[in-house]
Amino acid sequence: MNFFGIGLPEIILIMVLTLIVVGPQRLPELAAQLARLVRQARRYAGQVNSQLRHELGDLTQDYESLRQEMHQLRRELSQLAKPLQQELDAARTDLKAARESVEKAAAKEEQPQETAKPPSEEGS
């Protein structure tokens, strides 16, 4: 058994020392005072716990509400962006096709065209 890091032998030692210091006549009175203090501490801790749960409950509700709104906005933005994305994809495809046709045309112009050779002069 461990209570606040104090084992059973230490608790027995504290009880014996208290009995010696306080005496057997005042020990029941001291135990009653200690019990009252423990009850008050428990009551106070219960009140604090209840108040924190109440406050955190409100915050949790606010958080869930904001999270749902954000999720809804994200869906709406996604729906609005779909047509734009489709248009961008179509424009990208058109530009790619245009670039490829321009590159093909430029490649044809760069190739040397075969020209007719001038007739060589015979019989000089």
C-alpha atoms as a PDB file:
ATOM      1  CA  MET A   1       0.000   0.000   0.000  1.00  0.00           C
ATOM      2  CA  ASN A   2       1.376   3.367  -1.044  1.00  0.00           C
ATOM      3  CA  PHE A   3      -0.276   6.675  -0.126  1.00  0.00           C
ATOM      4  CA  PHE A   4       1.433   9.876  -1.347  1.00  0.00           C
ATOM      5  CA  GLY A   5       4.638   7.889  -1.690  1.00  0.00           C
ATOM      6  CA  ILE A   6       4.420   6.765   1.951  1.00  0.00           C
ATOM      7  CA  GLY A   7       4.327   3.027   2.612  1.00  0.00           C
ATOM      8  CA  LEU A   8       2.574   1.141   5.417  1.00  0.00           C
ATOM      9  CA  PRO A   9       5.607   1.101   7.776  1.00  0.00           C
ATOM     10  CA  GLU A  10       5.971   4.892   7.486  1.00  0.00           C
ATOM     11  CA  ILE A  11       2.249   5.409   8.194  1.00  0.00           C
ATOM     12  CA  ILE A  12       2.471   3.251  11.336  1.00  0.00           C
ATOM     13  CA  LEU A  13       5.539   5.220  12.468  1.00  0.00           C
ATOM     14  CA  ILE A  14       3.704   8.542  11.950  1.00  0.00           C
ATOM     15  CA  MET A  15       0.704   7.255  13.941  1.00  0.00           C
ATOM     16  CA  VAL A  16       2.917   6.127  16.839  1.00  0.00           C
ATOM     17  CA  LEU A  17       4.802   9.450  16.881  1.00  0.00           C
ATOM     18  CA  THR A  18       1.501  11.363  16.799  1.00  0.00           C
ATOM     19  CA  LEU A  19       0.203   9.299  19.714  1.00  0.00           C
ATOM     20  CA  ILE A  20       3.371  10.079  21.691  1.00  0.00           C
ATOM     21  CA  VAL A  21       3.427  13.817  20.864  1.00  0.00           C
ATOM     22  CA  VAL A  22      -0.306  14.574  21.144  1.00  0.00           C
ATOM     23  CA  GLY A  23      -1.219  12.055  23.795  1.00  0.00           C
ATOM     24  CA  PRO A  24      -4.093   9.614  24.030  1.00  0.00           C
ATOM     25  CA  GLN A  25      -6.564  12.211  25.379  1.00  0.00           C
ATOM     26  CA  ARG A  26      -6.271  14.624  22.427  1.00  0.00           C
ATOM     27  CA  LEU A  27      -5.872  11.976  19.702  1.00  0.00           C
ATOM     28  CA  PRO A  28      -9.648  11.547  19.046  1.00  0.00           C
ATOM     29  CA  GLU A  29     -10.053  15.340  18.831  1.00  0.00           C
ATOM     30  CA  LEU A  30      -7.147  15.562  16.377  1.00  0.00           C
ATOM     31  CA  ALA A  31      -8.600  12.700  14.309  1.00  0.00           C
ATOM     32  CA  ALA A  32     -11.964  14.511  14.146  1.00  0.00           C
ATOM     33  CA  GLN A  33     -10.272  17.725  12.992  1.00  0.00           C
ATOM     34  CA  LEU A  34      -8.327  15.786  10.381  1.00  0.00           C
ATOM     35  CA  ALA A  35     -11.540  14.127   9.167  1.00  0.00           C
ATOM     36  CA  ARG A  36     -13.226  17.557   8.869  1.00  0.00           C
ATOM     37  CA  LEU A  37     -10.286  18.885   6.869  1.00  0.00           C
ATOM     38  CA  VAL A  38     -10.394  15.880   4.552  1.00  0.00           C
ATOM     39  CA  ARG A  39     -14.178  16.336   4.033  1.00  0.00           C
ATOM     40  CA  GLN A  40     -13.723  20.042   3.272  1.00  0.00           C
ATOM     41  CA  ALA A  41     -10.895  19.295   0.854  1.00  0.00           C
ATOM     42  CA  ARG A  42     -13.023  16.657  -0.910  1.00  0.00           C
ATOM     43  CA  ARG A  43     -16.001  19.024  -1.108  1.00  0.00           C
ATOM     44  CA  TYR A  44     -13.806  21.798  -2.511  1.00  0.00           C
ATOM     45  CA  ALA A  45     -12.223  19.408  -5.024  1.00  0.00           C
ATOM     46  CA  GLY A  46     -15.701  18.214  -6.061  1.00  0.00           C
ATOM     47  CA  GLN A  47     -16.871  21.791  -6.604  1.00  0.00           C
ATOM     48  CA  VAL A  48     -13.793  22.644  -8.638  1.00  0.00           C
ATOM     49  CA  ASN A  49     -14.211  19.458 -10.664  1.00  0.00           C
ATOM     50  CA  SER A  50     -17.894  20.227 -11.308  1.00  0.00           C
ATOM     51  CA  GLN A  51     -17.128  23.795 -12.346  1.00  0.00           C
ATOM     52  CA  LEU A  52     -14.351  22.684 -14.672  1.00  0.00           C
ATOM     53  CA  ARG A  53     -16.599  20.072 -16.279  1.00  0.00           C
ATOM     54  CA  HIS A  54     -19.273  22.731 -16.803  1.00  0.00           C
ATOM     55  CA  GLU A  55     -16.811  25.181 -18.379  1.00  0.00           C
ATOM     56  CA  LEU A  56     -15.142  22.516 -20.480  1.00  0.00           C
ATOM     57  CA  GLY A  57     -18.557  21.268 -21.571  1.00  0.00           C
ATOM     58  CA  ASP A  58     -19.357  24.706 -22.977  1.00  0.00           C
ATOM     59  CA  LEU A  59     -15.975  24.892 -24.675  1.00  0.00           C
ATOM     60  CA  THR A  60     -16.396  21.401 -26.089  1.00  0.00           C
ATOM     61  CA  GLN A  61     -19.776  22.348 -27.551  1.00  0.00           C
ATOM     62  CA  ASP A  62     -18.298  25.505 -29.086  1.00  0.00           C
ATOM     63  CA  TYR A  63     -15.403  23.502 -30.514  1.00  0.00           C
ATOM     64  CA  GLU A  64     -17.711  20.897 -32.062  1.00  0.00           C
ATOM     65  CA  SER A  65     -19.893  23.632 -33.547  1.00  0.00           C
ATOM     66  CA  LEU A  66     -16.896  25.375 -35.118  1.00  0.00           C
ATOM     67  CA  ARG A  67     -15.500  22.082 -36.370  1.00  0.00           C
ATOM     68  CA  GLN A  68     -18.788  21.240 -38.102  1.00  0.00           C
ATOM     69  CA  GLU A  69     -18.955  24.708 -39.685  1.00  0.00           C
ATOM     70  CA  MET A  70     -15.390  24.361 -40.941  1.00  0.00           C
ATOM     71  CA  HIS A  71     -16.169  20.931 -42.386  1.00  0.00           C
ATOM     72  CA  GLN A  72     -19.252  22.338 -44.154  1.00  0.00           C
ATOM     73  CA  LEU A  73     -17.259  25.276 -45.578  1.00  0.00           C
ATOM     74  CA  ARG A  74     -14.571  22.900 -46.776  1.00  0.00           C
ATOM     75  CA  ARG A  75     -17.202  20.829 -48.623  1.00  0.00           C
ATOM     76  CA  GLU A  76     -18.756  23.941 -50.185  1.00  0.00           C
ATOM     77  CA  LEU A  77     -15.374  25.242 -51.335  1.00  0.00           C
ATOM     78  CA  SER A  78     -14.563  21.863 -52.799  1.00  0.00           C
ATOM     79  CA  GLN A  79     -17.838  21.899 -54.749  1.00  0.00           C
ATOM     80  CA  LEU A  80     -17.122  25.427 -56.006  1.00  0.00           C
ATOM     81  CA  ALA A  81     -13.584  24.515 -57.018  1.00  0.00           C
ATOM     82  CA  LYS A  82     -14.543  21.437 -59.066  1.00  0.00           C
ATOM     83  CA  PRO A  83     -15.745  23.315 -62.180  1.00  0.00           C
ATOM     84  CA  LEU A  84     -12.750  25.648 -62.008  1.00  0.00           C
ATOM     85  CA  GLN A  85     -10.399  22.690 -61.743  1.00  0.00           C
ATOM     86  CA  GLN A  86     -12.065  21.037 -64.732  1.00  0.00           C
ATOM     87  CA  GLU A  87     -11.685  24.223 -66.772  1.00  0.00           C
ATOM     88  CA  LEU A  88      -8.043  24.521 -65.760  1.00  0.00           C
ATOM     89  CA  ASP A  89      -7.408  20.908 -66.720  1.00  0.00           C
ATOM     90  CA  ALA A  90      -9.062  21.459 -70.121  1.00  0.00           C
ATOM     91  CA  ALA A  91      -7.012  24.634 -70.694  1.00  0.00           C
ATOM     92  CA  ARG A  92      -3.850  22.790 -69.677  1.00  0.00           C
ATOM     93  CA  THR A  93      -4.634  20.015 -72.176  1.00  0.00           C
ATOM     94  CA  ASP A  94      -5.299  22.568 -74.948  1.00  0.00           C
ATOM     95  CA  LEU A  95      -2.058  24.421 -74.196  1.00  0.00           C
ATOM     96  CA  LYS A  96      -0.104  21.186 -74.207  1.00  0.00           C
ATOM     97  CA  ALA A  97      -1.553  20.225 -77.595  1.00  0.00           C
ATOM     98  CA  ALA A  98      -0.803  23.714 -78.976  1.00  0.00           C
ATOM     99  CA  ARG A  99       2.763  23.561 -77.672  1.00  0.00           C
ATOM    100  CA  GLU A 100       3.323  20.171 -79.256  1.00  0.00           C
ATOM    101  CA  SER A 101       2.006  21.387 -82.650  1.00  0.00           C
ATOM    102  CA  VAL A 102       4.226  24.492 -82.475  1.00  0.00           C
ATOM    103  CA  GLU A 103       7.237  22.322 -81.606  1.00  0.00           C
ATOM    104  CA  LYS A 104       6.496  20.034 -84.561  1.00  0.00           C
ATOM    105  CA  ALA A 105       6.174  23.007 -86.914  1.00  0.00           C
ATOM    106  CA  ALA A 106       9.423  24.493 -85.609  1.00  0.00           C
ATOM    107  CA  ALA A 107      11.191  21.165 -86.046  1.00  0.00           C
ATOM    108  CA  LYS A 108      10.064  20.977 -89.689  1.00  0.00           C
ATOM    109  CA  GLU A 109      11.370  24.478 -90.406  1.00  0.00           C
ATOM    110  CA  GLU A 110      14.743  23.708 -88.877  1.00  0.00           C
ATOM    111  CA  GLN A 111      15.335  20.692 -91.101  1.00  0.00           C
ATOM    112  CA  PRO A 112      17.318  21.688 -94.211  1.00  0.00           C
ATOM    113  CA  GLN A 113      15.199  21.392 -97.277  1.00  0.00           C
ATOM    114  CA  GLU A 114      16.705  19.621-100.236  1.00  0.00           C
ATOM    115  CA  THR A 115      17.198  22.096-103.002  1.00  0.00           C
ATOM    116  CA  ALA A 116      17.972  21.299-106.579  1.00  0.00           C
ATOM    117  CA  LYS A 117      21.650  21.442-107.336  1.00  0.00           C
ATOM    118  CA  PRO A 118      22.645  23.851-110.055  1.00  0.00           C
ATOM    119  CA  PRO A 119      23.618  22.086-113.230  1.00  0.00           C
ATOM    120  CA  SER A 120      27.295  21.609-113.324  1.00  0.00           C
ATOM    121  CA  GLU A 121      29.032  23.146-116.172  1.00  0.00           C
ATOM    122  CA  GLU A 122      30.148  20.541-118.569  1.00  0.00           C
ATOM    123  CA  GLY A 123      32.888  20.865-121.052  1.00  0.00           C
ATOM    124  CA  SER A 124      35.007  23.565-119.863  1.00  0.00           C
END
